[in-house]
C-alpha atoms as a PDB file:
ATOM      1  CA  ALA A   1       0.000   0.000   0.000  1.00  0.00           C
ATOM      2  CA  ILE A   2       2.849   2.391   0.781  1.00  0.00           C
ATOM      3  CA  VAL A   3       4.541   1.643  -2.523  1.00  0.00           C
ATOM      4  CA  ARG A   4       1.332   1.952  -4.542  1.00  0.00           C
ATOM      5  CA  HIS A   5       0.546   5.316  -2.953  1.00  0.00           C
ATOM      6  CA  TYR A   6       3.770   6.955  -4.134  1.00  0.00           C
ATOM      7  CA  TYR A   7       4.270   5.056  -7.405  1.00  0.00           C
ATOM      8  CA  ARG A   8       0.913   5.043  -9.166  1.00  0.00           C
ATOM      9  CA  ASP A   9      -0.409   1.996 -11.040  1.00  0.00           C
ATOM     10  CA  THR A  10       2.547  -0.156  -9.999  1.00  0.00           C
ATOM     11  CA  ALA A  11       2.720  -3.580  -8.382  1.00  0.00           C
ATOM     12  CA  VAL A  12       5.247  -5.321  -6.140  1.00  0.00           C
ATOM     13  CA  ARG A  13       6.543  -8.398  -7.929  1.00  0.00           C
ATOM     14  CA  GLY A  14       9.501 -10.774  -7.823  1.00  0.00           C
ATOM     15  CA  THR A  15      12.658 -10.450  -9.890  1.00  0.00           C
ATOM     16  CA  GLU A  16      15.982 -12.196 -10.417  1.00  0.00           C
ATOM     17  CA  GLY A  17      19.034 -11.295  -8.377  1.00  0.00           C
ATOM     18  CA  ARG A  18      22.191  -9.875  -9.883  1.00  0.00           C
ATOM     19  CA  LYS A  19      25.356  -8.069  -8.888  1.00  0.00           C
ATOM     20  CA  ILE A  20      25.515  -4.317  -8.319  1.00  0.00           C
ATOM     21  CA  ARG A  21      28.726  -2.312  -8.681  1.00  0.00           C
ATOM     22  CA  VAL A  22      29.128   0.643  -6.328  1.00  0.00           C
ATOM     23  CA  LEU A  23      31.909   3.229  -6.453  1.00  0.00           C
ATOM     24  CA  LEU A  24      33.431   3.524  -2.980  1.00  0.00           C
ATOM     25  CA  ARG A  25      36.265   5.936  -3.696  1.00  0.00           C
ATOM     26  CA  PRO A  26      37.522   7.418  -6.961  1.00  0.00           C
ATOM     27  CA  TYR A  27      40.975   8.587  -8.054  1.00  0.00           C
ATOM     28  CA  GLN A  28      43.020   6.856  -5.354  1.00  0.00           C
ATOM     29  CA  SER A  29      46.803   6.602  -5.534  1.00  0.00           C
ATOM     30  CA  ARG A  30      46.568   3.400  -3.474  1.00  0.00           C
ATOM     31  CA  VAL A  31      43.751   1.193  -2.157  1.00  0.00           C
ATOM     32  CA  ARG A  32      44.530  -0.798   0.997  1.00  0.00           C
ATOM     33  CA  PHE A  33      42.419  -3.774   2.067  1.00  0.00           C
ATOM     34  CA  THR A  34      42.205  -6.865   4.267  1.00  0.00           C
ATOM     35  CA  GLY A  35      39.828  -9.802   4.730  1.00  0.00           C
ATOM     36  CA  ALA A  36      40.176 -11.251   1.216  1.00  0.00           C
ATOM     37  CA  GLU A  37      41.252 -14.857   0.545  1.00  0.00           C
ATOM     38  CA  ARG A  38      42.301 -14.363  -3.068  1.00  0.00           C
ATOM     39  CA  ALA A  39      43.079 -11.749  -5.679  1.00  0.00           C
ATOM     40  CA  CYS A  40      44.591 -11.870  -9.169  1.00  0.00           C
ATOM     41  CA  GLY A  41      44.780 -15.665  -9.126  1.00  0.00           C
ATOM     42  CA  ARG A  42      46.789 -15.664  -5.905  1.00  0.00           C
ATOM     43  CA  SER A  43      45.804 -16.929  -2.441  1.00  0.00           C
ATOM     44  CA  LEU A  44      45.849 -14.271   0.270  1.00  0.00           C
ATOM     45  CA  SER A  45      45.871 -14.351   4.050  1.00  0.00           C
ATOM     46  CA  PRO A  46      42.573 -12.802   5.257  1.00  0.00           C
ATOM     47  CA  GLY A  47      44.294 -11.304   8.281  1.00  0.00           C
ATOM     48  CA  ALA A  48      47.029  -9.613   6.275  1.00  0.00           C
ATOM     49  CA  ARG A  49      46.953  -6.194   4.673  1.00  0.00           C
ATOM     50  CA  TYR A  50      47.409  -5.664   0.965  1.00  0.00           C
ATOM     51  CA  GLY A  51      47.434  -2.758  -1.419  1.00  0.00           C
ATOM     52  CA  ALA A  52      46.549  -2.032  -5.024  1.00  0.00           C
ATOM     53  CA  THR A  53      48.153   0.621  -7.194  1.00  0.00           C
ATOM     54  CA  ARG A  54      48.175   1.511 -10.841  1.00  0.00           C
ATOM     55  CA  GLY A  55      51.020   0.212 -12.976  1.00  0.00           C
ATOM     56  CA  SER A  56      52.116   1.023 -16.492  1.00  0.00           C
ATOM     57  CA  GLY A  57      49.814   0.407 -19.415  1.00  0.00           C
ATOM     58  CA  GLY A  58      46.627   0.692 -17.373  1.00  0.00           C
ATOM     59  CA  ARG A  59      47.415  -2.376 -15.246  1.00  0.00           C
ATOM     60  CA  VAL A  60      46.665  -2.826 -11.543  1.00  0.00           C
ATOM     61  CA  ILE A  61      49.406  -4.106  -9.241  1.00  0.00           C
ATOM     62  CA  LEU A  62      48.764  -6.175  -6.096  1.00  0.00           C
ATOM     63  CA  ARG A  63      51.212  -5.259  -3.310  1.00  0.00           C
ATOM     64  CA  ASN A  64      51.918  -6.515   0.205  1.00  0.00           C
ATOM     65  CA  SER A  65      51.777  -4.366   3.335  1.00  0.00           C
ATOM     66  CA  SER A  66      55.333  -3.190   2.740  1.00  0.00           C
ATOM     67  CA  GLY A  67      54.524  -2.030  -0.771  1.00  0.00           C
ATOM     68  CA  ALA A  68      56.380  -4.802  -2.625  1.00  0.00           C
ATOM     69  CA  ALA A  69      54.703  -5.951  -5.857  1.00  0.00           C
ATOM     70  CA  LEU A  70      53.124  -9.423  -5.635  1.00  0.00           C
ATOM     71  CA  ARG A  71      51.243  -9.761  -8.908  1.00  0.00           C
ATOM     72  CA  ASN A  72      50.418  -7.866 -12.082  1.00  0.00           C
ATOM     73  CA  CYS A  73      46.616  -8.157 -12.166  1.00  0.00           C
ATOM     74  CA  GLY A  74      46.029  -6.787 -15.638  1.00  0.00           C
ATOM     75  CA  PRO A  75      43.091  -4.392 -16.189  1.00  0.00           C
ATOM     76  CA  LYS A  76      41.550  -4.933 -12.734  1.00  0.00           C
ATOM     77  CA  LEU A  77      42.119  -6.451  -9.314  1.00  0.00           C
ATOM     78  CA  VAL A  78      39.304  -8.470  -7.727  1.00  0.00           C
ATOM     79  CA  ALA A  79      39.748  -9.211  -4.005  1.00  0.00           C
ATOM     80  CA  SER A  80      37.204 -11.697  -2.654  1.00  0.00           C
ATOM     81  CA  GLY A  81      36.658 -15.014  -0.907  1.00  0.00           C
ATOM     82  CA  GLY A  82      36.250 -13.961   2.702  1.00  0.00           C
ATOM     83  CA  LYS A  83      32.943 -13.283   4.441  1.00  0.00           C
ATOM     84  CA  THR A  84      33.655  -9.558   4.043  1.00  0.00           C
ATOM     85  CA  VAL A  85      36.363  -7.365   2.596  1.00  0.00           C
ATOM     86  CA  VAL A  86      37.615  -4.340   4.517  1.00  0.00           C
ATOM     87  CA  MET A  87      38.693  -1.297   2.548  1.00  0.00           C
ATOM     88  CA  LEU A  88      40.948   0.410   5.045  1.00  0.00           C
ATOM     89  CA  GLY A  89      39.881   3.957   5.808  1.00  0.00           C
ATOM     90  CA  LYS A  90      36.451   3.384   4.267  1.00  0.00           C
ATOM     91  CA  GLY A  91      34.382   0.434   5.496  1.00  0.00           C
ATOM     92  CA  VAL A  92      33.460  -3.261   5.584  1.00  0.00           C
ATOM     93  CA  TYR A  93      31.706  -4.754   2.563  1.00  0.00           C
ATOM     94  CA  ARG A  94      30.170  -8.009   1.443  1.00  0.00           C
ATOM     95  CA  GLY A  95      31.014  -9.312  -2.011  1.00  0.00           C
ATOM     96  CA  ALA A  96      34.240  -8.308  -3.722  1.00  0.00           C
ATOM     97  CA  LEU A  97      36.480  -5.265  -3.757  1.00  0.00           C
ATOM     98  CA  VAL A  98      37.380  -4.369  -7.344  1.00  0.00           C
ATOM     99  CA  VAL A  99      40.161  -1.938  -8.187  1.00  0.00           C
ATOM    100  CA  ARG A 100      40.251  -0.530 -11.709  1.00  0.00           C
ATOM    101  CA  PRO A 101      42.229   2.228 -13.433  1.00  0.00           C
ATOM    102  CA  SER A 102      40.399   5.567 -13.265  1.00  0.00           C
ATOM    103  CA  SER A 103      40.206   8.299 -15.869  1.00  0.00           C
ATOM    104  CA  VAL A 104      42.958  10.179 -13.989  1.00  0.00           C
ATOM    105  CA  PRO A 105      46.501   9.050 -14.895  1.00  0.00           C
ATOM    106  CA  GLY A 106      48.206   7.098 -12.115  1.00  0.00           C
ATOM    107  CA  ARG A 107      45.010   6.717 -10.088  1.00  0.00           C
ATOM    108  CA  VAL A 108      42.532   3.895  -9.456  1.00  0.00           C
ATOM    109  CA  ASN A 109      38.878   3.550  -8.487  1.00  0.00           C
ATOM    110  CA  ALA A 110      37.727   1.299  -5.619  1.00  0.00           C
ATOM    111  CA  ILE A 111      34.433  -0.470  -6.391  1.00  0.00           C
ATOM    112  CA  ASN A 112      32.296  -2.908  -4.396  1.00  0.00           C
ATOM    113  CA  THR A 113      30.697  -5.648  -6.518  1.00  0.00           C
ATOM    114  CA  VAL A 114      27.937  -7.104  -4.378  1.00  0.00           C
ATOM    115  CA  GLY A 115      24.699  -9.080  -4.692  1.00  0.00           C
ATOM    116  CA  VAL A 116      21.567  -6.959  -4.747  1.00  0.00           C
ATOM    117  CA  GLU A 117      20.285  -8.273  -1.407  1.00  0.00           C
ATOM    118  CA  ALA A 118      23.519  -7.423   0.412  1.00  0.00           C
ATOM    119  CA  TYR A 119      23.498  -4.051  -1.366  1.00  0.00           C
ATOM    120  CA  VAL A 120      20.019  -3.248  -0.046  1.00  0.00           C
ATOM    121  CA  ARG A 121      21.014  -4.341   3.475  1.00  0.00           C
ATOM    122  CA  GLY A 122      23.636  -1.601   3.395  1.00  0.00           C
ATOM    123  CA  ILE A 123      21.093   1.059   2.398  1.00  0.00           C
ATOM    124  CA  VAL A 124      17.816   0.806   4.327  1.00  0.00           C
ATOM    125  CA  ALA A 125      18.993   2.105   7.732  1.00  0.00           C
ATOM    126  CA  LEU A 126      20.779   5.045   6.066  1.00  0.00           C
ATOM    127  CA  GLU A 127      17.679   6.103   4.148  1.00  0.00           C
ATOM    128  CA  SER A 128      15.025   5.388   6.829  1.00  0.00           C
ATOM    129  CA  PRO A 129      15.435   5.324  10.630  1.00  0.00           C
ATOM    130  CA  SER A 130      15.699   1.685  11.734  1.00  0.00           C
ATOM    131  CA  SER A 131      13.180   2.411  14.516  1.00  0.00           C
ATOM    132  CA  TRP A 132      10.388   3.000  11.990  1.00  0.00           C
ATOM    133  CA  PRO A 133       7.541   0.463  11.664  1.00  0.00           C
ATOM    134  CA  LEU A 134       8.585  -2.698   9.848  1.00  0.00           C
ATOM    135  CA  ASN A 135       6.187  -2.104   6.963  1.00  0.00           C
ATOM    136  CA  ALA A 136       7.808   1.259   6.306  1.00  0.00           C
ATOM    137  CA  LEU A 137      11.234  -0.422   6.323  1.00  0.00           C
ATOM    138  CA  ARG A 138       9.948  -3.167   4.034  1.00  0.00           C
ATOM    139  CA  ALA A 139       8.670  -0.530   1.618  1.00  0.00           C
ATOM    140  CA  GLN A 140      12.064   1.203   1.727  1.00  0.00           C
ATOM    141  CA  ALA A 141      13.797  -2.103   0.985  1.00  0.00           C
ATOM    142  CA  VAL A 142      11.579  -2.736  -2.046  1.00  0.00           C
ATOM    143  CA  VAL A 143      12.114   0.798  -3.340  1.00  0.00           C
ATOM    144  CA  ALA A 144      15.897   0.729  -2.766  1.00  0.00           C
ATOM    145  CA  ARG A 145      16.151  -2.628  -4.551  1.00  0.00           C
ATOM    146  CA  SER A 146      14.081  -1.313  -7.467  1.00  0.00           C
ATOM    147  CA  TYR A 147      16.170   1.827  -7.813  1.00  0.00           C
ATOM    148  CA  GLY A 148      19.393  -0.172  -7.659  1.00  0.00           C
ATOM    149  CA  LEU A 149      18.282  -2.534 -10.416  1.00  0.00           C
ATOM    150  CA  SER A 150      16.652   0.060 -12.684  1.00  0.00           C
ATOM    151  CA  SER A 151      19.230   2.864 -12.562  1.00  0.00           C
ATOM    152  CA  SER A 152      22.811   3.442 -13.608  1.00  0.00           C
ATOM    153  CA  VAL A 153      25.136   6.440 -13.552  1.00  0.00           C
ATOM    154  CA  GLY A 154      27.110   4.883 -16.395  1.00  0.00           C
ATOM    155  CA  GLY A 155      30.429   4.970 -14.576  1.00  0.00           C
ATOM    156  CA  ARG A 156      33.661   3.294 -15.601  1.00  0.00           C
ATOM    157  CA  GLY A 157      32.986  -0.162 -14.193  1.00  0.00           C
ATOM    158  CA  PHE A 158      30.214   0.876 -11.801  1.00  0.00           C
ATOM    159  CA  GLU A 159      26.494   1.676 -11.850  1.00  0.00           C
ATOM    160  CA  HIS A 160      26.073   3.552  -8.575  1.00  0.00           C
ATOM    161  CA  TYR A 161      27.716   5.983  -6.189  1.00  0.00           C
ATOM    162  CA  ASP A 162      27.533   5.281  -2.447  1.00  0.00           C
ATOM    163  CA  ASP A 163      25.974   8.670  -1.645  1.00  0.00           C
ATOM    164  CA  THR A 164      22.888  10.737  -2.492  1.00  0.00           C
ATOM    165  CA  ARG A 165      23.846  10.911  -6.159  1.00  0.00           C
ATOM    166  CA  SER A 166      22.462   7.360  -6.203  1.00  0.00           C
ATOM    167  CA  GLN A 167      21.353   6.161  -2.762  1.00  0.00           C
ATOM    168  CA  VAL A 168      23.338   6.122   0.469  1.00  0.00           C
ATOM    169  CA  TYR A 169      25.161   2.797   0.886  1.00  0.00           C
ATOM    170  CA  GLY A 170      27.338   2.010   3.891  1.00  0.00           C
ATOM    171  CA  GLY A 171      28.067  -1.706   3.573  1.00  0.00           C
ATOM    172  CA  VAL A 172      28.050  -3.982   6.618  1.00  0.00           C
ATOM    173  CA  ARG A 173      28.420  -1.187   9.178  1.00  0.00           C
ATOM    174  CA  ALA A 174      25.093   0.283   8.063  1.00  0.00           C
ATOM    175  CA  GLU A 175      23.159  -2.924   8.721  1.00  0.00           C
ATOM    176  CA  THR A 176      20.807  -3.337  11.683  1.00  0.00           C
ATOM    177  CA  LYS A 177      18.771  -6.306  12.868  1.00  0.00           C
ATOM    178  CA  ARG A 178      15.433  -4.662  12.017  1.00  0.00           C
ATOM    179  CA  THR A 179      16.407  -3.375   8.576  1.00  0.00           C
ATOM    180  CA  ASN A 180      18.012  -6.725   7.696  1.00  0.00           C
ATOM    181  CA  ARG A 181      14.718  -8.354   8.593  1.00  0.00           C
ATOM    182  CA  ALA A 182      12.884  -5.937   6.276  1.00  0.00           C
ATOM    183  CA  VAL A 183      15.251  -6.883   3.448  1.00  0.00           C
ATOM    184  CA  ARG A 184      14.846 -10.591   4.179  1.00  0.00           C
ATOM    185  CA  ASP A 185      11.042 -10.298   4.312  1.00  0.00           C
ATOM    186  CA  THR A 186      10.966  -8.687   0.859  1.00  0.00           C
ATOM    187  CA  ARG A 187      13.686 -10.772  -0.802  1.00  0.00           C
ATOM    188  CA  LEU A 188      13.935 -10.000  -4.551  1.00  0.00           C
ATOM    189  CA  GLN A 189      10.699  -7.989  -4.514  1.00  0.00           C
ATOM    190  CA  VAL A 190      10.658  -4.877  -6.691  1.00  0.00           C
ATOM    191  CA  VAL A 191       8.263  -2.215  -7.943  1.00  0.00           C
ATOM    192  CA  LYS A 192       7.083  -2.947 -11.478  1.00  0.00           C
ATOM    193  CA  TYR A 193       5.183  -0.876 -14.021  1.00  0.00           C
ATOM    194  CA  GLU A 194       3.862  -2.677 -17.087  1.00  0.00           C
ATOM    195  CA  GLY A 195       6.177  -5.597 -16.352  1.00  0.00           C
ATOM    196  CA  ARG A 196       9.400  -3.580 -16.021  1.00  0.00           C
ATOM    197  CA  ILE A 197      11.223  -2.504 -12.864  1.00  0.00           C
ATOM    198  CA  ALA A 198      10.302   1.104 -12.059  1.00  0.00           C
ATOM    199  CA  GLN A 199      12.946   3.756 -11.447  1.00  0.00           C
ATOM    200  CA  THR A 200      11.777   4.521  -7.918  1.00  0.00           C
ATOM    201  CA  PHE A 201      13.148   7.951  -7.030  1.00  0.00           C
ATOM    202  CA  PHE A 202      12.530   8.747  -3.363  1.00  0.00           C
ATOM    203  CA  PHE A 203      13.085  11.601  -0.935  1.00  0.00           C
ATOM    204  CA  SER A 204      13.487  12.427   2.727  1.00  0.00           C
ATOM    205  CA  THR A 205      10.817  15.135   2.991  1.00  0.00           C
ATOM    206  CA  SER A 206       7.974  16.082   0.662  1.00  0.00           C
ATOM    207  CA  GLY A 207       6.435  19.023   2.495  1.00  0.00           C
ATOM    208  CA  GLY A 208       3.026  17.414   2.010  1.00  0.00           C
ATOM    209  CA  TRP A 209       3.129  16.796  -1.753  1.00  0.00           C
ATOM    210  CA  THR A 210       5.352  14.926  -4.163  1.00  0.00           C
ATOM    211  CA  GLU A 211       5.779  16.295  -7.694  1.00  0.00           C
ATOM    212  CA  ASN A 212       5.458  15.196 -11.323  1.00  0.00           C
ATOM    213  CA  ASN A 213       8.841  14.129 -12.684  1.00  0.00           C
ATOM    214  CA  GLU A 214       8.785  16.585 -15.622  1.00  0.00           C
ATOM    215  CA  ASN A 215       8.406  19.513 -13.225  1.00  0.00           C
ATOM    216  CA  VAL A 216      11.604  18.497 -11.414  1.00  0.00           C
ATOM    217  CA  TRP A 217      13.974  17.218 -14.103  1.00  0.00           C
ATOM    218  CA  GLY A 218      12.104  18.041 -17.307  1.00  0.00           C
ATOM    219  CA  GLY A 219      11.673  15.412 -19.996  1.00  0.00           C
ATOM    220  CA  THR A 220       8.712  13.172 -20.746  1.00  0.00           C
ATOM    221  CA  PRO A 221       6.074  12.561 -18.053  1.00  0.00           C
ATOM    222  CA  ILE A 222       6.462   9.113 -16.481  1.00  0.00           C
ATOM    223  CA  PRO A 223       3.076   7.573 -15.566  1.00  0.00           C
ATOM    224  CA  TYR A 224       4.153   6.163 -12.195  1.00  0.00           C
ATOM    225  CA  LEU A 225       6.032   9.338 -11.132  1.00  0.00           C
ATOM    226  CA  ARG A 226       2.954  11.523 -10.672  1.00  0.00           C
ATOM    227  CA  GLY A 227       2.670  13.981  -7.825  1.00  0.00           C
ATOM    228  CA  VAL A 228       0.532  12.778  -4.920  1.00  0.00           C
ATOM    229  CA  LYS A 229      -0.596  14.262  -1.651  1.00  0.00           C
ATOM    230  CA  ASP A 230       1.606  13.098   1.218  1.00  0.00           C
ATOM    231  CA  PRO A 231      -0.195  13.447   4.562  1.00  0.00           C
ATOM    232  CA  PHE A 232       2.441  11.342   6.334  1.00  0.00           C
ATOM    233  CA  ASP A 233       5.238  13.910   6.192  1.00  0.00           C
ATOM    234  CA  GLY A 234       4.453  16.070   9.211  1.00  0.00           C
ATOM    235  CA  ALA A 235       7.055  14.525  11.530  1.00  0.00           C
ATOM    236  CA  SER A 236       9.938  15.735   9.375  1.00  0.00           C
ATOM    237  CA  PRO A 237      11.826  18.770  10.731  1.00  0.00           C
ATOM    238  CA  LEU A 238      11.825  20.127   7.158  1.00  0.00           C
ATOM    239  CA  HIS A 239       8.098  19.656   6.586  1.00  0.00           C
ATOM    240  CA  ARG A 240       7.845  23.448   6.740  1.00  0.00           C
ATOM    241  CA  TRP A 241      10.786  25.823   6.466  1.00  0.00           C
ATOM    242  CA  VAL A 242      11.656  29.489   5.906  1.00  0.00           C
ATOM    243  CA  ARG A 243      14.923  30.973   4.686  1.00  0.00           C
ATOM    244  CA  LYS A 244      15.677  34.719   4.817  1.00  0.00           C
ATOM    245  CA  PHE A 245      18.107  36.581   2.547  1.00  0.00           C
ATOM    246  CA  SER A 246      19.221  40.167   2.373  1.00  0.00           C
ATOM    247  CA  LEU A 247      18.816  41.681  -1.073  1.00  0.00           C
ATOM    248  CA  ALA A 248      22.597  41.774  -1.447  1.00  0.00           C
ATOM    249  CA  ARG A 249      22.927  38.086  -0.579  1.00  0.00           C
ATOM    250  CA  MET A 250      20.083  37.178  -2.940  1.00  0.00           C
ATOM    251  CA  GLN A 251      21.796  39.156  -5.692  1.00  0.00           C
ATOM    252  CA  SER A 252      25.070  37.340  -5.014  1.00  0.00           C
ATOM    253  CA  ARG A 253      23.517  33.872  -5.040  1.00  0.00           C
ATOM    254  CA  LEU A 254      21.762  34.588  -8.338  1.00  0.00           C
ATOM    255  CA  ARG A 255      24.814  36.139  -9.992  1.00  0.00           C
ATOM    256  CA  GLY A 256      24.818  35.539 -13.744  1.00  0.00           C
ATOM    257  CA  LEU A 257      21.046  35.094 -13.844  1.00  0.00           C
ATOM    258  CA  VAL A 258      19.893  38.575 -12.865  1.00  0.00           C
ATOM    259  CA  LYS A 259      20.202  41.362 -15.421  1.00  0.00           C
ATOM    260  CA  GLY A 260      21.326  44.389 -13.457  1.00  0.00           C
ATOM    261  CA  ARG A 261      20.066  44.698  -9.900  1.00  0.00           C
ATOM    262  CA  LEU A 262      17.380  42.341  -8.645  1.00  0.00           C
ATOM    263  CA  ARG A 263      14.047  44.039  -8.087  1.00  0.00           C
ATOM    264  CA  LYS A 264      11.647  41.152  -7.563  1.00  0.00           C
ATOM    265  CA  VAL A 265      10.851  37.516  -8.308  1.00  0.00           C
ATOM    266  CA  VAL A 266       7.589  36.753 -10.127  1.00  0.00           C
ATOM    267  CA  ILE A 267       6.175  33.218  -9.934  1.00  0.00           C
ATOM    268  CA  LEU A 268       5.064  32.090 -13.404  1.00  0.00           C
ATOM    269  CA  LYS A 269       4.111  28.454 -12.884  1.00  0.00           C
ATOM    270  CA  LYS A 270       3.593  25.995 -10.059  1.00  0.00           C
ATOM    271  CA  GLY A 271       3.415  22.225 -10.340  1.00  0.00           C
ATOM    272  CA  PHE A 272       1.032  19.608  -8.985  1.00  0.00           C
ATOM    273  CA  SER A 273       2.361  20.669  -5.592  1.00  0.00           C
ATOM    274  CA  PRO A 274       2.795  24.332  -4.571  1.00  0.00           C
ATOM    275  CA  ARG A 275       6.436  24.173  -5.719  1.00  0.00           C
ATOM    276  CA  ILE A 276       7.643  26.820  -8.143  1.00  0.00           C
ATOM    277  CA  VAL A 277       8.295  25.314 -11.576  1.00  0.00           C
ATOM    278  CA  ARG A 278       9.181  28.542 -13.344  1.00  0.00           C
ATOM    279  CA  ALA A 279       9.838  32.113 -12.178  1.00  0.00           C
ATOM    280  CA  ARG A 280      10.887  35.454 -13.630  1.00  0.00           C
ATOM    281  CA  LEU A 281      13.781  37.377 -12.134  1.00  0.00           C
ATOM    282  CA  VAL A 282      13.036  41.037 -12.693  1.00  0.00           C
ATOM    283  CA  GLY A 283      16.229  43.063 -12.871  1.00  0.00           C
ATOM    284  CA  SER A 284      16.996  46.736 -13.480  1.00  0.00           C
ATOM    285  CA  SER A 285      18.348  45.829 -16.964  1.00  0.00           C
ATOM    286  CA  GLY A 286      15.847  43.158 -18.008  1.00  0.00           C
ATOM    287  CA  ASN A 287      14.131  39.924 -17.065  1.00  0.00           C
ATOM    288  CA  THR A 288      15.305  36.299 -16.883  1.00  0.00           C
ATOM    289  CA  THR A 289      13.127  33.179 -16.704  1.00  0.00           C
ATOM    290  CA  VAL A 290      14.492  30.407 -14.453  1.00  0.00           C
ATOM    291  CA  HIS A 291      13.392  26.951 -13.357  1.00  0.00           C
ATOM    292  CA  GLY A 292      12.317  26.387  -9.754  1.00  0.00           C
ATOM    293  CA  GLN A 293      15.094  23.835  -9.313  1.00  0.00           C
ATOM    294  CA  THR A 294      17.622  26.481 -10.357  1.00  0.00           C
ATOM    295  CA  LEU A 295      16.378  28.719  -7.554  1.00  0.00           C
ATOM    296  CA  LYS A 296      16.638  25.799  -5.169  1.00  0.00           C
ATOM    297  CA  TYR A 297      20.281  25.068  -5.983  1.00  0.00           C
ATOM    298  CA  ARG A 298      21.421  28.672  -6.238  1.00  0.00           C
ATOM    299  CA  LEU A 299      19.835  29.581  -2.903  1.00  0.00           C
ATOM    300  CA  ALA A 300      20.849  26.259  -1.244  1.00  0.00           C
ATOM    301  CA  LEU A 301      17.275  25.520  -0.191  1.00  0.00           C
ATOM    302  CA  PRO A 302      16.118  22.181   1.297  1.00  0.00           C
ATOM    303  CA  ASP A 303      13.459  21.815  -1.413  1.00  0.00           C
ATOM    304  CA  ALA A 304      12.214  23.692  -4.445  1.00  0.00           C
ATOM    305  CA  PRO A 305      10.569  26.859  -3.024  1.00  0.00           C
ATOM    306  CA  TRP A 306       6.816  27.233  -2.759  1.00  0.00           C
ATOM    307  CA  SER A 307       6.749  31.010  -2.661  1.00  0.00           C
ATOM    308  CA  ILE A 308       9.129  33.944  -2.476  1.00  0.00           C
ATOM    309  CA  ARG A 309       8.185  37.323  -1.136  1.00  0.00           C
ATOM    310  CA  ARG A 310      10.048  40.502  -0.366  1.00  0.00           C
ATOM    311  CA  VAL A 311       9.739  41.889   3.133  1.00  0.00           C
ATOM    312  CA  ASN A 312      10.493  45.595   3.516  1.00  0.00           C
ATOM    313  CA  ARG A 313      11.778  46.606   6.917  1.00  0.00           C
END
């Protein structure tokens, strides 16, 4: 019921599992790890520390804790075999640690290749408080799994970031008993629309309404990403908010958009929700039309603004 409320005309159905590749850290001069039993065709001691660096010709070199080269791994290093792999200075992860050359000369990317269920276990408690009712956590698990399987950032050897550019993923240290239960209870369940896994964008706070996708990112309307009323949002500390700016600060934040000196902001269009979709910046030397999301980012607001008014003191 929770899923169907936010993603219209969808159904929760089963799917097949697969691996997900998550970027943990980009552009590293060296990746240090422990916990793996093998890498590059070589047996490792799980209790020992190893490193990976970039060699000549786009190769990855496996090194011991002293930095001595142990094996030329070719185009990538895959460290796996133990229950978990520890990337030192970052976290503990299920699956494998993969090190690949990055787009920056001499640097490598650290990637976690992990089964979708373990991936979701590392997400739910970071996107929803683990104290929430189990059905809310189950819904979050289904949505996180759906987003993970339906989306890709198109990275070099990875589909997802481990932060809000995709969804927040913390590996084993993010897991809790209650959120793991929610993942287990919904194993391989996803949101589907017309037989395909839906791209289930989600949010922390709606302010009482979600919004049509085309009013946020532009593009073609997606039938299951329609704005809906959200009466369950009142507990959020950002359910209602106000930000105040001096005229000089407003002018500075909107630099390059305002022609001359800013005189006022005129709302031209609102979406399904009260959010501003389009506004006119009236300047002393002319007008500029901007998207509501542009105002949000330029003014560093928690959400796209609902209204803007000038207060004379």
